[in-house]
Amino acid sequence: MPPAVGIQMKLDFFKKKFWTASRQCAALDGKCSINCDDENINCYLIDNNGFVLVAEDYTLTGKFFGEAEGAVMNKLLQMGSFKRQSRWCMTSCLPYALTTLNLANHIKLFSSDP
């Protein structure tokens, strides 16, 4: 069995690192064409299952991205970034939607207009 390595850090520290990284650009003039500081843009970090890890609105942390940005999530489904899968809850027998990122082991920064 191959070894596994993990890291544990406080969410606040992780958020600070994310916001710092989101402000870095590779543009020649050093100016970002899209920036999370823009009031017209909502930035999110979502995991491979479509749950919000980091958002400007901290109450969205841990929620399914489709709850926060349903239209954007639908577009991601259409683009093939996520795949809709139906699963059955074995305890209450109610179906629930589960999405999985096709690009395994990648975390993506998505932004959308409010």
N, C-alpha and C. Protein backbone atom coordinates (compact mmCIF):
# COMPACT_ATOMS: atom_id res chain seq x y z
N MET A 1 0.84 -1.17 0.00
CA MET A 1 0.00 0.00 0.00
C MET A 1 0.90 1.25 0.00
N PRO A 2 0.64 2.20 -0.91
CA PRO A 2 1.48 3.39 -0.96
C PRO A 2 1.24 4.29 0.26
N PRO A 3 2.28 4.98 0.68
CA PRO A 3 2.12 5.86 1.84
C PRO A 3 1.26 7.08 1.49
N ALA A 4 0.67 7.67 2.50
CA ALA A 4 -0.14 8.87 2.32
C ALA A 4 0.41 9.97 3.22
N VAL A 5 0.33 11.19 2.74
CA VAL A 5 0.80 12.34 3.51
C VAL A 5 -0.33 13.35 3.57
N GLY A 6 -0.53 13.95 4.71
CA GLY A 6 -1.57 14.95 4.86
C GLY A 6 -1.07 16.14 5.64
N ILE A 7 -1.87 17.16 5.67
CA ILE A 7 -1.54 18.36 6.42
C ILE A 7 -2.81 18.87 7.08
N GLN A 8 -2.67 19.39 8.26
CA GLN A 8 -3.80 19.98 8.95
C GLN A 8 -3.45 21.42 9.26
N MET A 9 -4.37 22.33 8.95
CA MET A 9 -4.15 23.74 9.26
C MET A 9 -5.48 24.38 9.61
N LYS A 10 -5.40 25.47 10.32
CA LYS A 10 -6.60 26.20 10.70
C LYS A 10 -7.24 26.82 9.47
N LEU A 11 -8.57 26.83 9.44
CA LEU A 11 -9.29 27.36 8.29
C LEU A 11 -8.95 28.83 8.04
N ASP A 12 -8.82 29.63 9.08
CA ASP A 12 -8.49 31.04 8.90
C ASP A 12 -7.15 31.22 8.20
N PHE A 13 -6.16 30.42 8.58
CA PHE A 13 -4.85 30.48 7.94
C PHE A 13 -4.96 30.09 6.46
N PHE A 14 -5.71 29.01 6.19
CA PHE A 14 -5.91 28.55 4.82
C PHE A 14 -6.60 29.63 3.98
N LYS A 15 -7.62 30.28 4.54
CA LYS A 15 -8.33 31.34 3.83
C LYS A 15 -7.39 32.49 3.47
N LYS A 16 -6.55 32.89 4.43
CA LYS A 16 -5.60 33.98 4.17
C LYS A 16 -4.67 33.62 3.02
N LYS A 17 -4.18 32.40 3.03
CA LYS A 17 -3.29 31.93 1.94
C LYS A 17 -4.02 31.93 0.60
N PHE A 18 -5.28 31.50 0.62
CA PHE A 18 -6.07 31.47 -0.62
C PHE A 18 -6.26 32.88 -1.17
N TRP A 19 -6.69 33.81 -0.31
CA TRP A 19 -6.94 35.17 -0.79
C TRP A 19 -5.65 35.82 -1.27
N THR A 20 -4.53 35.55 -0.63
CA THR A 20 -3.25 36.07 -1.09
C THR A 20 -2.91 35.51 -2.47
N ALA A 21 -3.08 34.22 -2.65
CA ALA A 21 -2.79 33.58 -3.94
C ALA A 21 -3.73 34.08 -5.03
N SER A 22 -4.98 34.36 -4.67
CA SER A 22 -5.95 34.79 -5.69
C SER A 22 -5.63 36.19 -6.22
N ARG A 23 -4.82 36.94 -5.52
CA ARG A 23 -4.47 38.30 -5.94
C ARG A 23 -3.20 38.34 -6.79
N GLN A 24 -2.53 37.21 -6.95
CA GLN A 24 -1.30 37.16 -7.73
C GLN A 24 -1.64 36.96 -9.19
N CYS A 25 -0.93 37.68 -10.05
CA CYS A 25 -1.17 37.60 -11.49
C CYS A 25 0.11 37.29 -12.24
N ALA A 26 -0.06 36.71 -13.40
CA ALA A 26 1.07 36.44 -14.28
C ALA A 26 1.11 37.46 -15.42
N ALA A 27 0.27 38.51 -15.33
CA ALA A 27 0.23 39.52 -16.39
C ALA A 27 1.55 40.27 -16.44
N LEU A 28 1.93 40.68 -17.64
CA LEU A 28 3.20 41.39 -17.83
C LEU A 28 3.23 42.70 -17.05
N ASP A 29 2.11 43.41 -16.99
CA ASP A 29 2.08 44.69 -16.28
C ASP A 29 1.79 44.52 -14.80
N GLY A 30 1.58 43.28 -14.35
CA GLY A 30 1.33 43.02 -12.95
C GLY A 30 -0.09 43.32 -12.49
N LYS A 31 -0.95 43.76 -13.39
CA LYS A 31 -2.33 44.07 -13.05
C LYS A 31 -3.22 42.89 -13.43
N CYS A 32 -4.09 42.53 -12.51
CA CYS A 32 -5.01 41.42 -12.76
C CYS A 32 -6.21 41.92 -13.54
N SER A 33 -6.59 41.21 -14.59
CA SER A 33 -7.79 41.59 -15.34
C SER A 33 -9.05 41.22 -14.55
N ILE A 34 -8.97 40.16 -13.75
CA ILE A 34 -10.06 39.76 -12.86
C ILE A 34 -9.46 39.64 -11.47
N ASN A 35 -10.14 40.25 -10.49
CA ASN A 35 -9.59 40.27 -9.15
C ASN A 35 -10.72 40.02 -8.15
N CYS A 36 -10.46 39.22 -7.15
CA CYS A 36 -11.46 38.91 -6.12
C CYS A 36 -11.80 40.12 -5.27
N ASP A 37 -11.01 41.18 -5.34
CA ASP A 37 -11.32 42.41 -4.60
C ASP A 37 -12.42 43.22 -5.27
N ASP A 38 -12.71 42.89 -6.54
CA ASP A 38 -13.77 43.59 -7.28
C ASP A 38 -15.12 43.29 -6.64
N GLU A 39 -15.89 44.35 -6.34
CA GLU A 39 -17.19 44.17 -5.69
C GLU A 39 -18.20 43.46 -6.59
N ASN A 40 -17.97 43.43 -7.90
CA ASN A 40 -18.89 42.81 -8.84
C ASN A 40 -18.59 41.33 -9.08
N ILE A 41 -17.60 40.81 -8.39
CA ILE A 41 -17.19 39.41 -8.60
C ILE A 41 -17.23 38.67 -7.26
N ASN A 42 -17.82 37.50 -7.26
CA ASN A 42 -17.80 36.62 -6.09
C ASN A 42 -16.82 35.50 -6.37
N CYS A 43 -15.85 35.32 -5.51
CA CYS A 43 -14.85 34.27 -5.69
C CYS A 43 -15.09 33.14 -4.71
N TYR A 44 -14.86 31.93 -5.17
CA TYR A 44 -15.06 30.73 -4.36
C TYR A 44 -13.92 29.77 -4.60
N LEU A 45 -13.60 29.01 -3.60
CA LEU A 45 -12.74 27.84 -3.74
C LEU A 45 -13.63 26.66 -3.42
N ILE A 46 -13.80 25.75 -4.38
CA ILE A 46 -14.67 24.60 -4.17
C ILE A 46 -13.87 23.32 -4.28
N ASP A 47 -14.32 22.30 -3.58
CA ASP A 47 -13.60 21.03 -3.62
C ASP A 47 -14.09 20.16 -4.78
N ASN A 48 -13.53 18.98 -4.88
CA ASN A 48 -13.84 18.10 -6.01
C ASN A 48 -15.26 17.56 -5.98
N ASN A 49 -15.99 17.75 -4.88
CA ASN A 49 -17.38 17.33 -4.80
C ASN A 49 -18.35 18.48 -4.92
N GLY A 50 -17.83 19.68 -5.18
CA GLY A 50 -18.68 20.85 -5.39
C GLY A 50 -19.08 21.58 -4.11
N PHE A 51 -18.34 21.36 -3.03
CA PHE A 51 -18.64 22.06 -1.79
C PHE A 51 -17.69 23.24 -1.59
N VAL A 52 -18.21 24.31 -1.03
CA VAL A 52 -17.45 25.54 -0.85
C VAL A 52 -16.45 25.38 0.30
N LEU A 53 -15.17 25.58 -0.01
CA LEU A 53 -14.13 25.58 1.00
C LEU A 53 -13.88 26.98 1.52
N VAL A 54 -13.84 27.95 0.60
CA VAL A 54 -13.58 29.34 0.95
C VAL A 54 -14.51 30.22 0.12
N ALA A 55 -15.12 31.19 0.77
CA ALA A 55 -15.97 32.17 0.10
C ALA A 55 -15.87 33.48 0.86
N GLU A 56 -16.15 34.58 0.18
CA GLU A 56 -16.15 35.87 0.85
C GLU A 56 -17.22 35.89 1.94
N ASP A 57 -18.34 35.26 1.69
CA ASP A 57 -19.40 35.11 2.68
C ASP A 57 -19.13 33.81 3.45
N TYR A 58 -18.59 33.93 4.65
CA TYR A 58 -18.17 32.76 5.41
C TYR A 58 -19.30 31.78 5.72
N THR A 59 -20.57 32.25 5.66
CA THR A 59 -21.69 31.34 5.94
C THR A 59 -21.87 30.31 4.83
N LEU A 60 -21.25 30.51 3.68
CA LEU A 60 -21.35 29.55 2.58
C LEU A 60 -20.35 28.40 2.71
N THR A 61 -19.36 28.54 3.60
CA THR A 61 -18.36 27.49 3.78
C THR A 61 -19.04 26.19 4.18
N GLY A 62 -18.72 25.13 3.44
CA GLY A 62 -19.29 23.81 3.71
C GLY A 62 -20.58 23.52 2.97
N LYS A 63 -21.16 24.52 2.33
CA LYS A 63 -22.40 24.30 1.58
C LYS A 63 -22.09 23.88 0.15
N PHE A 64 -23.05 23.23 -0.46
CA PHE A 64 -22.92 22.83 -1.86
C PHE A 64 -22.90 24.09 -2.73
N PHE A 65 -21.98 24.17 -3.67
CA PHE A 65 -21.81 25.36 -4.51
C PHE A 65 -23.09 25.71 -5.26
N GLY A 66 -23.87 24.71 -5.64
CA GLY A 66 -25.12 24.95 -6.35
C GLY A 66 -26.12 25.74 -5.52
N GLU A 67 -26.02 25.67 -4.20
CA GLU A 67 -26.89 26.47 -3.35
C GLU A 67 -26.53 27.94 -3.42
N ALA A 68 -25.25 28.24 -3.53
CA ALA A 68 -24.78 29.63 -3.58
C ALA A 68 -24.91 30.21 -4.98
N GLU A 69 -24.54 29.44 -5.98
CA GLU A 69 -24.50 29.91 -7.37
C GLU A 69 -25.07 28.83 -8.28
N GLY A 70 -26.37 28.66 -8.23
CA GLY A 70 -27.02 27.61 -9.01
C GLY A 70 -26.78 27.71 -10.50
N ALA A 71 -26.87 28.91 -11.06
CA ALA A 71 -26.67 29.09 -12.50
C ALA A 71 -25.24 28.76 -12.90
N VAL A 72 -24.27 29.14 -12.07
CA VAL A 72 -22.86 28.85 -12.37
C VAL A 72 -22.62 27.35 -12.27
N MET A 73 -23.20 26.70 -11.27
CA MET A 73 -23.05 25.26 -11.12
C MET A 73 -23.64 24.53 -12.32
N ASN A 74 -24.80 24.97 -12.79
CA ASN A 74 -25.39 24.36 -13.98
C ASN A 74 -24.49 24.51 -15.18
N LYS A 75 -23.85 25.67 -15.32
CA LYS A 75 -22.93 25.89 -16.44
C LYS A 75 -21.72 24.96 -16.32
N LEU A 76 -21.20 24.78 -15.11
CA LEU A 76 -20.08 23.86 -14.90
C LEU A 76 -20.47 22.43 -15.25
N LEU A 77 -21.72 22.06 -14.94
CA LEU A 77 -22.22 20.74 -15.33
C LEU A 77 -22.28 20.61 -16.85
N GLN A 78 -22.79 21.65 -17.52
CA GLN A 78 -22.88 21.64 -18.98
C GLN A 78 -21.51 21.57 -19.63
N MET A 79 -20.53 22.25 -19.04
CA MET A 79 -19.17 22.27 -19.59
C MET A 79 -18.42 20.97 -19.33
N GLY A 80 -18.97 20.13 -18.46
CA GLY A 80 -18.31 18.86 -18.17
C GLY A 80 -17.32 18.93 -17.02
N SER A 81 -17.25 20.06 -16.33
CA SER A 81 -16.35 20.17 -15.18
C SER A 81 -16.83 19.29 -14.03
N PHE A 82 -18.13 19.14 -13.92
CA PHE A 82 -18.74 18.28 -12.91
C PHE A 82 -19.69 17.32 -13.62
N LYS A 83 -20.00 16.23 -12.96
CA LYS A 83 -20.94 15.25 -13.49
C LYS A 83 -22.02 15.03 -12.45
N ARG A 84 -23.29 15.12 -12.85
CA ARG A 84 -24.40 14.89 -11.92
C ARG A 84 -24.57 13.39 -11.72
N GLN A 85 -24.68 13.00 -10.48
CA GLN A 85 -24.90 11.60 -10.15
C GLN A 85 -26.00 11.52 -9.11
N SER A 86 -26.89 10.58 -9.26
CA SER A 86 -27.94 10.37 -8.26
C SER A 86 -27.49 9.26 -7.32
N ARG A 87 -27.70 9.50 -6.06
CA ARG A 87 -27.38 8.51 -5.04
C ARG A 87 -28.60 8.38 -4.13
N TRP A 88 -28.70 7.27 -3.48
CA TRP A 88 -29.79 7.06 -2.53
C TRP A 88 -29.23 7.07 -1.12
N CYS A 89 -29.87 7.81 -0.26
CA CYS A 89 -29.52 7.84 1.15
C CYS A 89 -30.05 6.54 1.76
N MET A 90 -29.18 5.77 2.32
CA MET A 90 -29.59 4.46 2.83
C MET A 90 -30.38 4.56 4.14
N THR A 91 -30.29 5.70 4.82
CA THR A 91 -31.00 5.80 6.10
C THR A 91 -32.42 6.31 5.93
N SER A 92 -32.64 7.24 4.99
CA SER A 92 -34.00 7.77 4.84
C SER A 92 -34.58 7.49 3.45
N CYS A 93 -33.80 6.84 2.59
CA CYS A 93 -34.25 6.45 1.25
C CYS A 93 -34.71 7.65 0.41
N LEU A 94 -34.08 8.80 0.59
CA LEU A 94 -34.37 9.96 -0.25
C LEU A 94 -33.19 10.20 -1.17
N PRO A 95 -33.45 10.46 -2.45
CA PRO A 95 -32.33 10.70 -3.37
C PRO A 95 -31.71 12.07 -3.10
N TYR A 96 -30.43 12.17 -3.33
CA TYR A 96 -29.77 13.46 -3.25
C TYR A 96 -28.75 13.54 -4.38
N ALA A 97 -28.47 14.75 -4.79
CA ALA A 97 -27.53 14.95 -5.90
C ALA A 97 -26.12 14.98 -5.37
N LEU A 98 -25.24 14.32 -6.06
CA LEU A 98 -23.83 14.33 -5.72
C LEU A 98 -23.08 14.65 -7.01
N THR A 99 -22.18 15.59 -6.95
CA THR A 99 -21.39 15.92 -8.13
C THR A 99 -19.94 15.59 -7.87
N THR A 100 -19.28 15.20 -8.92
CA THR A 100 -17.87 14.89 -8.80
C THR A 100 -17.09 15.62 -9.87
N LEU A 101 -15.97 16.15 -9.50
CA LEU A 101 -15.13 16.87 -10.43
C LEU A 101 -14.43 15.88 -11.34
N ASN A 102 -14.53 16.10 -12.64
CA ASN A 102 -13.86 15.21 -13.58
C ASN A 102 -12.35 15.30 -13.49
N LEU A 103 -11.85 16.45 -13.11
CA LEU A 103 -10.41 16.64 -13.00
C LEU A 103 -10.00 16.29 -11.58
N ALA A 104 -9.80 15.02 -11.34
CA ALA A 104 -9.54 14.54 -9.99
C ALA A 104 -8.31 15.21 -9.39
N ASN A 105 -8.38 15.43 -8.10
CA ASN A 105 -7.28 15.98 -7.30
C ASN A 105 -6.92 17.41 -7.66
N HIS A 106 -7.80 18.13 -8.31
CA HIS A 106 -7.55 19.53 -8.63
C HIS A 106 -8.52 20.40 -7.84
N ILE A 107 -8.04 21.52 -7.39
CA ILE A 107 -8.89 22.53 -6.78
C ILE A 107 -8.86 23.71 -7.71
N LYS A 108 -10.02 24.23 -8.05
CA LYS A 108 -10.12 25.33 -9.01
C LYS A 108 -10.70 26.55 -8.35
N LEU A 109 -10.29 27.71 -8.84
CA LEU A 109 -10.87 28.97 -8.43
C LEU A 109 -11.90 29.35 -9.46
N PHE A 110 -13.11 29.53 -9.03
CA PHE A 110 -14.19 29.93 -9.92
C PHE A 110 -14.69 31.27 -9.46
N SER A 111 -15.02 32.14 -10.39
CA SER A 111 -15.60 33.42 -10.03
C SER A 111 -16.84 33.62 -10.87
N SER A 112 -17.76 34.42 -10.34
CA SER A 112 -18.99 34.69 -11.06
C SER A 112 -19.48 36.06 -10.71
N ASP A 113 -20.22 36.66 -11.62
CA ASP A 113 -20.87 37.93 -11.33
C ASP A 113 -22.05 37.65 -10.43
N PRO A 114 -22.32 38.54 -9.46
CA PRO A 114 -23.46 38.27 -8.56
C PRO A 114 -24.79 38.36 -9.26
